PDB file of N, CA and C in Angstrom:
ATOM      1  N   MET A   1       4.965 -46.613 -54.049  1.00  0.00           N
ATOM      2  CA  MET A   1       4.617 -46.874 -55.420  1.00  0.00           C
ATOM      3  C   MET A   1       3.218 -46.360 -55.698  1.00  0.00           C
ATOM      4  N   PRO A   2       3.055 -45.661 -56.770  1.00  0.00           N
ATOM      5  CA  PRO A   2       1.761 -45.063 -57.062  1.00  0.00           C
ATOM      6  C   PRO A   2       0.657 -46.089 -57.286  1.00  0.00           C
ATOM      7  N   GLU A   3       0.959 -47.173 -57.967  1.00  0.00           N
ATOM      8  CA  GLU A   3      -0.049 -48.178 -58.283  1.00  0.00           C
ATOM      9  C   GLU A   3       0.509 -49.535 -57.891  1.00  0.00           C
ATOM     10  N   GLU A   4      -0.260 -50.313 -57.183  1.00  0.00           N
ATOM     11  CA  GLU A   4       0.202 -51.643 -56.787  1.00  0.00           C
ATOM     12  C   GLU A   4      -0.080 -52.615 -57.924  1.00  0.00           C
ATOM     13  N   LYS A   5       0.987 -53.066 -58.554  1.00  0.00           N
ATOM     14  CA  LYS A   5       0.889 -54.039 -59.636  1.00  0.00           C
ATOM     15  C   LYS A   5       1.709 -55.253 -59.234  1.00  0.00           C
ATOM     16  N   GLU A   6       1.538 -56.324 -59.957  1.00  0.00           N
ATOM     17  CA  GLU A   6       2.335 -57.516 -59.660  1.00  0.00           C
ATOM     18  C   GLU A   6       3.683 -57.475 -60.373  1.00  0.00           C
ATOM     19  N   TRP A   7       3.708 -56.943 -61.596  1.00  0.00           N
ATOM     20  CA  TRP A   7       4.924 -56.899 -62.406  1.00  0.00           C
ATOM     21  C   TRP A   7       5.193 -55.471 -62.871  1.00  0.00           C
ATOM     22  N   TYR A   8       6.478 -55.079 -62.880  1.00  0.00           N
ATOM     23  CA  TYR A   8       6.896 -53.736 -63.291  1.00  0.00           C
ATOM     24  C   TYR A   8       7.997 -53.839 -64.338  1.00  0.00           C
ATOM     25  N   THR A   9       7.993 -52.919 -65.294  1.00  0.00           N
ATOM     26  CA  THR A   9       9.078 -52.878 -66.272  1.00  0.00           C
ATOM     27  C   THR A   9      10.272 -52.149 -65.663  1.00  0.00           C
ATOM     28  N   ILE A  10      11.422 -52.332 -66.275  1.00  0.00           N
ATOM     29  CA  ILE A  10      12.622 -51.636 -65.808  1.00  0.00           C
ATOM     30  C   ILE A  10      12.420 -50.130 -65.925  1.00  0.00           C
ATOM     31  N   GLN A  11      11.767 -49.680 -66.991  1.00  0.00           N
ATOM     32  CA  GLN A  11      11.505 -48.250 -67.169  1.00  0.00           C
ATOM     33  C   GLN A  11      10.672 -47.698 -66.022  1.00  0.00           C
ATOM     34  N   GLU A  12       9.648 -48.428 -65.618  1.00  0.00           N
ATOM     35  CA  GLU A  12       8.796 -47.980 -64.507  1.00  0.00           C
ATOM     36  C   GLU A  12       9.592 -47.890 -63.210  1.00  0.00           C
ATOM     37  N   LEU A  13      10.410 -48.896 -62.947  1.00  0.00           N
ATOM     38  CA  LEU A  13      11.203 -48.890 -61.717  1.00  0.00           C
ATOM     39  C   LEU A  13      12.251 -47.779 -61.736  1.00  0.00           C
ATOM     40  N   ALA A  14      12.873 -47.548 -62.877  1.00  0.00           N
ATOM     41  CA  ALA A  14      13.869 -46.474 -62.985  1.00  0.00           C
ATOM     42  C   ALA A  14      13.230 -45.130 -62.663  1.00  0.00           C
ATOM     43  N   ALA A  15      12.024 -44.901 -63.156  1.00  0.00           N
ATOM     44  CA  ALA A  15      11.319 -43.649 -62.875  1.00  0.00           C
ATOM     45  C   ALA A  15      10.957 -43.548 -61.395  1.00  0.00           C
ATOM     46  N   MET A  16      10.525 -44.646 -60.789  1.00  0.00           N
ATOM     47  CA  MET A  16      10.154 -44.636 -59.369  1.00  0.00           C
ATOM     48  C   MET A  16      11.363 -44.410 -58.471  1.00  0.00           C
ATOM     49  N   PHE A  17      12.498 -45.012 -58.826  1.00  0.00           N
ATOM     50  CA  PHE A  17      13.694 -44.928 -57.990  1.00  0.00           C
ATOM     51  C   PHE A  17      14.528 -43.686 -58.277  1.00  0.00           C
ATOM     52  N   GLY A  18      14.303 -43.051 -59.423  1.00  0.00           N
ATOM     53  CA  GLY A  18      15.113 -41.895 -59.797  1.00  0.00           C
ATOM     54  C   GLY A  18      16.529 -42.271 -60.193  1.00  0.00           C
ATOM     55  N   VAL A  19      16.694 -43.447 -60.814  1.00  0.00           N
ATOM     56  CA  VAL A  19      18.004 -43.884 -61.297  1.00  0.00           C
ATOM     57  C   VAL A  19      17.926 -44.105 -62.802  1.00  0.00           C
ATOM     58  N   SER A  20      19.084 -44.183 -63.434  1.00  0.00           N
ATOM     59  CA  SER A  20      19.095 -44.359 -64.885  1.00  0.00           C
ATOM     60  C   SER A  20      18.670 -45.782 -65.258  1.00  0.00           C
ATOM     61  N   TYR A  21      18.097 -45.884 -66.435  1.00  0.00           N
ATOM     62  CA  TYR A  21      17.665 -47.179 -66.960  1.00  0.00           C
ATOM     63  C   TYR A  21      18.853 -48.128 -67.053  1.00  0.00           C
ATOM     64  N   SER A  22      19.985 -47.634 -67.568  1.00  0.00           N
ATOM     65  CA  SER A  22      21.137 -48.514 -67.783  1.00  0.00           C
ATOM     66  C   SER A  22      21.699 -49.043 -66.466  1.00  0.00           C
ATOM     67  N   LYS A  23      21.763 -48.202 -65.440  1.00  0.00           N
ATOM     68  CA  LYS A  23      22.239 -48.660 -64.126  1.00  0.00           C
ATOM     69  C   LYS A  23      21.298 -49.724 -63.570  1.00  0.00           C
ATOM     70  N   LEU A  24      20.012 -49.460 -63.643  1.00  0.00           N
ATOM     71  CA  LEU A  24      19.027 -50.390 -63.107  1.00  0.00           C
ATOM     72  C   LEU A  24      19.031 -51.705 -63.880  1.00  0.00           C
ATOM     73  N   ARG A  25      19.124 -51.629 -65.192  1.00  0.00           N
ATOM     74  CA  ARG A  25      19.151 -52.838 -66.015  1.00  0.00           C
ATOM     75  C   ARG A  25      20.347 -53.712 -65.648  1.00  0.00           C
ATOM     76  N   GLY A  26      21.497 -53.081 -65.429  1.00  0.00           N
ATOM     77  CA  GLY A  26      22.685 -53.839 -65.037  1.00  0.00           C
ATOM     78  C   GLY A  26      22.508 -54.547 -63.708  1.00  0.00           C
ATOM     79  N   GLU A  27      21.942 -53.844 -62.735  1.00  0.00           N
ATOM     80  CA  GLU A  27      21.702 -54.453 -61.416  1.00  0.00           C
ATOM     81  C   GLU A  27      20.688 -55.591 -61.516  1.00  0.00           C
ATOM     82  N   ILE A  28      19.627 -55.368 -62.282  1.00  0.00           N
ATOM     83  CA  ILE A  28      18.595 -56.398 -62.439  1.00  0.00           C
ATOM     84  C   ILE A  28      19.166 -57.629 -63.125  1.00  0.00           C
ATOM     85  N   ASN A  29      19.962 -57.432 -64.170  1.00  0.00           N
ATOM     86  CA  ASN A  29      20.559 -58.575 -64.858  1.00  0.00           C
ATOM     87  C   ASN A  29      21.485 -59.356 -63.931  1.00  0.00           C
ATOM     88  N   ALA A  30      22.271 -58.642 -63.126  1.00  0.00           N
ATOM     89  CA  ALA A  30      23.178 -59.314 -62.189  1.00  0.00           C
ATOM     90  C   ALA A  30      22.394 -60.125 -61.157  1.00  0.00           C
ATOM     91  N   LEU A  31      21.343 -59.538 -60.604  1.00  0.00           N
ATOM     92  CA  LEU A  31      20.525 -60.240 -59.607  1.00  0.00           C
ATOM     93  C   LEU A  31      19.760 -61.410 -60.226  1.00  0.00           C
ATOM     94  N   ALA A  32      19.290 -61.230 -61.450  1.00  0.00           N
ATOM     95  CA  ALA A  32      18.554 -62.301 -62.131  1.00  0.00           C
ATOM     96  C   ALA A  32      19.488 -63.470 -62.461  1.00  0.00           C
ATOM     97  N   ASN A  33      20.744 -63.169 -62.813  1.00  0.00           N
ATOM     98  CA  ASN A  33      21.699 -64.226 -63.154  1.00  0.00           C
ATOM     99  C   ASN A  33      22.015 -65.131 -61.975  1.00  0.00           C
ATOM    100  N   ILE A  34      21.877 -64.616 -60.760  1.00  0.00           N
ATOM    101  CA  ILE A  34      22.121 -65.457 -59.579  1.00  0.00           C
ATOM    102  C   ILE A  34      20.800 -65.896 -58.927  1.00  0.00           C
ATOM    103  N   ASN A  35      19.719 -65.692 -59.654  1.00  0.00           N
ATOM    104  CA  ASN A  35      18.386 -66.182 -59.255  1.00  0.00           C
ATOM    105  C   ASN A  35      17.902 -65.678 -57.901  1.00  0.00           C
ATOM    106  N   VAL A  36      18.130 -64.402 -57.606  1.00  0.00           N
ATOM    107  CA  VAL A  36      17.622 -63.854 -56.345  1.00  0.00           C
ATOM    108  C   VAL A  36      16.408 -62.947 -56.552  1.00  0.00           C
ATOM    109  N   ILE A  37      16.055 -62.667 -57.811  1.00  0.00           N
ATOM    110  CA  ILE A  37      14.852 -61.890 -58.103  1.00  0.00           C
ATOM    111  C   ILE A  37      14.040 -62.607 -59.176  1.00  0.00           C
ATOM    112  N   LYS A  38      12.745 -62.273 -59.232  1.00  0.00           N
ATOM    113  CA  LYS A  38      11.851 -62.845 -60.241  1.00  0.00           C
ATOM    114  C   LYS A  38      11.756 -61.891 -61.424  1.00  0.00           C
ATOM    115  N   VAL A  39      12.169 -62.384 -62.592  1.00  0.00           N
ATOM    116  CA  VAL A  39      12.117 -61.601 -63.827  1.00  0.00           C
ATOM    117  C   VAL A  39      11.473 -62.471 -64.898  1.00  0.00           C
ATOM    118  N   ARG A  40      10.658 -61.847 -65.733  1.00  0.00           N
ATOM    119  CA  ARG A  40      10.054 -62.566 -66.854  1.00  0.00           C
ATOM    120  C   ARG A  40      10.035 -61.649 -68.066  1.00  0.00           C
ATOM    121  N   SER A  41       9.837 -62.253 -69.233  1.00  0.00           N
ATOM    122  CA  SER A  41       9.610 -61.468 -70.440  1.00  0.00           C
ATOM    123  C   SER A  41       8.156 -61.042 -70.455  1.00  0.00           C
ATOM    124  N   GLN A  42       7.912 -59.822 -70.910  1.00  0.00           N
ATOM    125  CA  GLN A  42       6.548 -59.294 -70.953  1.00  0.00           C
ATOM    126  C   GLN A  42       5.720 -60.102 -71.948  1.00  0.00           C
ATOM    127  N   PRO A  43       4.539 -60.549 -71.545  1.00  0.00           N
ATOM    128  CA  PRO A  43       3.680 -61.270 -72.488  1.00  0.00           C
ATOM    129  C   PRO A  43       3.394 -60.407 -73.719  1.00  0.00           C
ATOM    130  N   GLY A  44       3.629 -60.967 -74.877  1.00  0.00           N
ATOM    131  CA  GLY A  44       3.377 -60.235 -76.110  1.00  0.00           C
ATOM    132  C   GLY A  44       4.556 -59.423 -76.606  1.00  0.00           C
ATOM    133  N   ASN A  45       5.587 -59.232 -75.779  1.00  0.00           N
ATOM    134  CA  ASN A  45       6.776 -58.489 -76.200  1.00  0.00           C
ATOM    135  C   ASN A  45       7.981 -59.069 -75.471  1.00  0.00           C
ATOM    136  N   GLN A  46       8.615 -60.035 -76.081  1.00  0.00           N
ATOM    137  CA  GLN A  46       9.719 -60.760 -75.451  1.00  0.00           C
ATOM    138  C   GLN A  46      10.943 -59.891 -75.169  1.00  0.00           C
ATOM    139  N   LYS A  47      11.022 -58.705 -75.779  1.00  0.00           N
ATOM    140  CA  LYS A  47      12.168 -57.817 -75.568  1.00  0.00           C
ATOM    141  C   LYS A  47      12.088 -57.062 -74.249  1.00  0.00           C
ATOM    142  N   VAL A  48      10.896 -56.972 -73.665  1.00  0.00           N
ATOM    143  CA  VAL A  48      10.700 -56.188 -72.444  1.00  0.00           C
ATOM    144  C   VAL A  48      10.717 -57.117 -71.232  1.00  0.00           C
ATOM    145  N   GLN A  49      11.594 -56.792 -70.271  1.00  0.00           N
ATOM    146  CA  GLN A  49      11.647 -57.555 -69.031  1.00  0.00           C
ATOM    147  C   GLN A  49      10.705 -56.940 -68.008  1.00  0.00           C
ATOM    148  N   GLU A  50      10.070 -57.806 -67.224  1.00  0.00           N
ATOM    149  CA  GLU A  50       9.238 -57.360 -66.114  1.00  0.00           C
ATOM    150  C   GLU A  50       9.772 -57.976 -64.829  1.00  0.00           C
ATOM    151  N   ILE A  51       9.697 -57.198 -63.751  1.00  0.00           N
ATOM    152  CA  ILE A  51      10.226 -57.604 -62.469  1.00  0.00           C
ATOM    153  C   ILE A  51       9.067 -57.736 -61.490  1.00  0.00           C
ATOM    154  N   HIS A  52       9.039 -58.826 -60.737  1.00  0.00           N
ATOM    155  CA  HIS A  52       7.963 -59.066 -59.781  1.00  0.00           C
ATOM    156  C   HIS A  52       8.082 -58.113 -58.600  1.00  0.00           C
ATOM    157  N   LYS A  53       6.942 -57.691 -58.066  1.00  0.00           N
ATOM    158  CA  LYS A  53       6.906 -56.712 -56.975  1.00  0.00           C
ATOM    159  C   LYS A  53       7.669 -57.178 -55.738  1.00  0.00           C
ATOM    160  N   GLU A  54       7.730 -58.487 -55.489  1.00  0.00           N
ATOM    161  CA  GLU A  54       8.463 -58.996 -54.328  1.00  0.00           C
ATOM    162  C   GLU A  54       9.971 -58.805 -54.459  1.00  0.00           C
ATOM    163  N   SER A  55      10.452 -58.559 -55.673  1.00  0.00           N
ATOM    164  CA  SER A  55      11.880 -58.361 -55.918  1.00  0.00           C
ATOM    165  C   SER A  55      12.306 -56.908 -55.735  1.00  0.00           C
ATOM    166  N   ILE A  56      11.359 -55.999 -55.644  1.00  0.00           N
ATOM    167  CA  ILE A  56      11.670 -54.566 -55.600  1.00  0.00           C
ATOM    168  C   ILE A  56      12.543 -54.172 -54.408  1.00  0.00           C
ATOM    169  N   PRO A  57      12.290 -54.651 -53.187  1.00  0.00           N
ATOM    170  CA  PRO A  57      13.167 -54.250 -52.078  1.00  0.00           C
ATOM    171  C   PRO A  57      14.639 -54.612 -52.301  1.00  0.00           C
ATOM    172  N   LEU A  58      14.902 -55.782 -52.854  1.00  0.00           N
ATOM    173  CA  LEU A  58      16.277 -56.188 -53.146  1.00  0.00           C
ATOM    174  C   LEU A  58      16.917 -55.291 -54.197  1.00  0.00           C
ATOM    175  N   ILE A  59      16.145 -54.935 -55.210  1.00  0.00           N
ATOM    176  CA  ILE A  59      16.659 -54.071 -56.272  1.00  0.00           C
ATOM    177  C   ILE A  59      16.937 -52.679 -55.722  1.00  0.00           C
ATOM    178  N   LYS A  60      16.048 -52.168 -54.889  1.00  0.00           N
ATOM    179  CA  LYS A  60      16.271 -50.855 -54.269  1.00  0.00           C
ATOM    180  C   LYS A  60      17.555 -50.861 -53.452  1.00  0.00           C
ATOM    181  N   GLN A  61      17.765 -51.908 -52.696  1.00  0.00           N
ATOM    182  CA  GLN A  61      18.968 -52.017 -51.879  1.00  0.00           C
ATOM    183  C   GLN A  61      20.219 -52.074 -52.760  1.00  0.00           C
ATOM    184  N   ALA A  62      20.165 -52.835 -53.836  1.00  0.00           N
ATOM    185  CA  ALA A  62      21.322 -52.987 -54.720  1.00  0.00           C
ATOM    186  C   ALA A  62      21.684 -51.683 -55.426  1.00  0.00           C
ATOM    187  N   THR A  63      20.681 -50.871 -55.738  1.00  0.00           N
ATOM    188  CA  THR A  63      20.941 -49.619 -56.459  1.00  0.00           C
ATOM    189  C   THR A  63      21.157 -48.442 -55.525  1.00  0.00           C
ATOM    190  N   GLY A  64      20.869 -48.628 -54.247  1.00  0.00           N
ATOM    191  CA  GLY A  64      20.995 -47.522 -53.301  1.00  0.00           C
ATOM    192  C   GLY A  64      19.882 -46.504 -53.433  1.00  0.00           C
ATOM    193  N   ALA A  65      18.768 -46.908 -54.047  1.00  0.00           N
ATOM    194  CA  ALA A  65      17.632 -45.995 -54.262  1.00  0.00           C
ATOM    195  C   ALA A  65      16.834 -45.804 -52.992  1.00  0.00           C
TER     196      ALA A  65
END
Protein backbone atom coordinates (compact mmCIF):
# COMPACT_ATOMS: atom_id res chain seq x y z
CA MET A 1 0.00 0.00 0.00
CA PRO A 2 1.41 3.35 -0.96
CA GLU A 3 0.25 5.19 2.16
CA GLU A 4 -0.46 3.64 5.54
CA LYS A 5 -3.85 4.90 6.65
CA GLU A 6 -6.30 3.55 9.18
CA TRP A 7 -9.38 3.67 6.92
CA TYR A 8 -9.71 3.19 3.13
CA THR A 9 -12.60 3.79 0.76
CA ILE A 10 -13.82 1.06 -1.56
CA GLN A 11 -12.54 3.13 -4.50
CA GLU A 12 -9.04 3.23 -3.01
CA LEU A 13 -9.01 -0.51 -2.38
CA ALA A 14 -10.34 -1.30 -5.86
CA ALA A 15 -7.48 0.72 -7.37
CA MET A 16 -4.90 -0.98 -5.13
CA PHE A 17 -6.20 -4.49 -5.84
CA GLY A 18 -6.88 -3.96 -9.55
CA VAL A 19 -10.49 -5.17 -9.28
CA SER A 20 -13.74 -3.50 -10.22
CA TYR A 21 -15.56 -1.31 -7.73
CA SER A 22 -18.76 -3.33 -8.08
CA LYS A 23 -17.04 -6.68 -7.40
CA LEU A 24 -15.24 -5.26 -4.38
CA ARG A 25 -18.36 -3.56 -3.02
CA GLY A 26 -20.25 -6.86 -3.21
CA GLU A 27 -17.53 -8.73 -1.34
CA ILE A 28 -17.26 -6.00 1.29
CA ASN A 29 -21.02 -5.92 1.84
CA ALA A 30 -21.11 -9.72 2.21
CA LEU A 31 -18.24 -9.71 4.72
CA ALA A 32 -19.69 -6.75 6.62
CA ASN A 33 -23.11 -8.46 6.87
CA ILE A 34 -21.52 -11.37 8.75
CA ASN A 35 -19.43 -9.00 10.89
CA VAL A 36 -15.98 -10.26 9.89
CA ILE A 37 -14.63 -6.87 8.73
CA LYS A 38 -14.72 -3.34 10.15
CA VAL A 39 -16.71 -0.92 7.99
CA ARG A 40 -17.95 2.56 8.82
CA SER A 41 -19.58 5.48 7.07
CA GLN A 42 -17.14 8.23 6.16
CA PRO A 43 -17.36 11.15 8.59
CA GLY A 44 -19.13 13.98 6.83
CA ASN A 45 -20.41 11.79 3.97
CA GLN A 46 -22.68 8.95 5.07
CA LYS A 47 -22.87 7.57 1.50
CA VAL A 48 -19.18 6.60 1.44
CA GLN A 49 -18.08 3.42 3.20
CA GLU A 50 -14.62 3.13 4.71
CA ILE A 51 -12.88 -0.13 5.52
CA HIS A 52 -10.40 -0.53 8.39
CA LYS A 53 -6.84 -1.50 7.45
CA GLU A 54 -7.02 -4.67 9.58
CA SER A 55 -9.82 -5.93 7.31
CA ILE A 56 -7.77 -5.64 4.10
CA PRO A 57 -6.15 -9.12 4.19
CA LEU A 58 -9.58 -10.78 4.45
CA ILE A 59 -10.94 -8.68 1.60
CA LYS A 60 -7.92 -9.49 -0.58
CA GLN A 61 -8.44 -13.18 0.07
CA ALA A 62 -12.17 -12.98 -0.72
CA THR A 63 -11.58 -11.17 -4.02
CA GLY A 64 -8.55 -13.20 -5.06
CA ALA A 65 -6.52 -9.99 -5.40
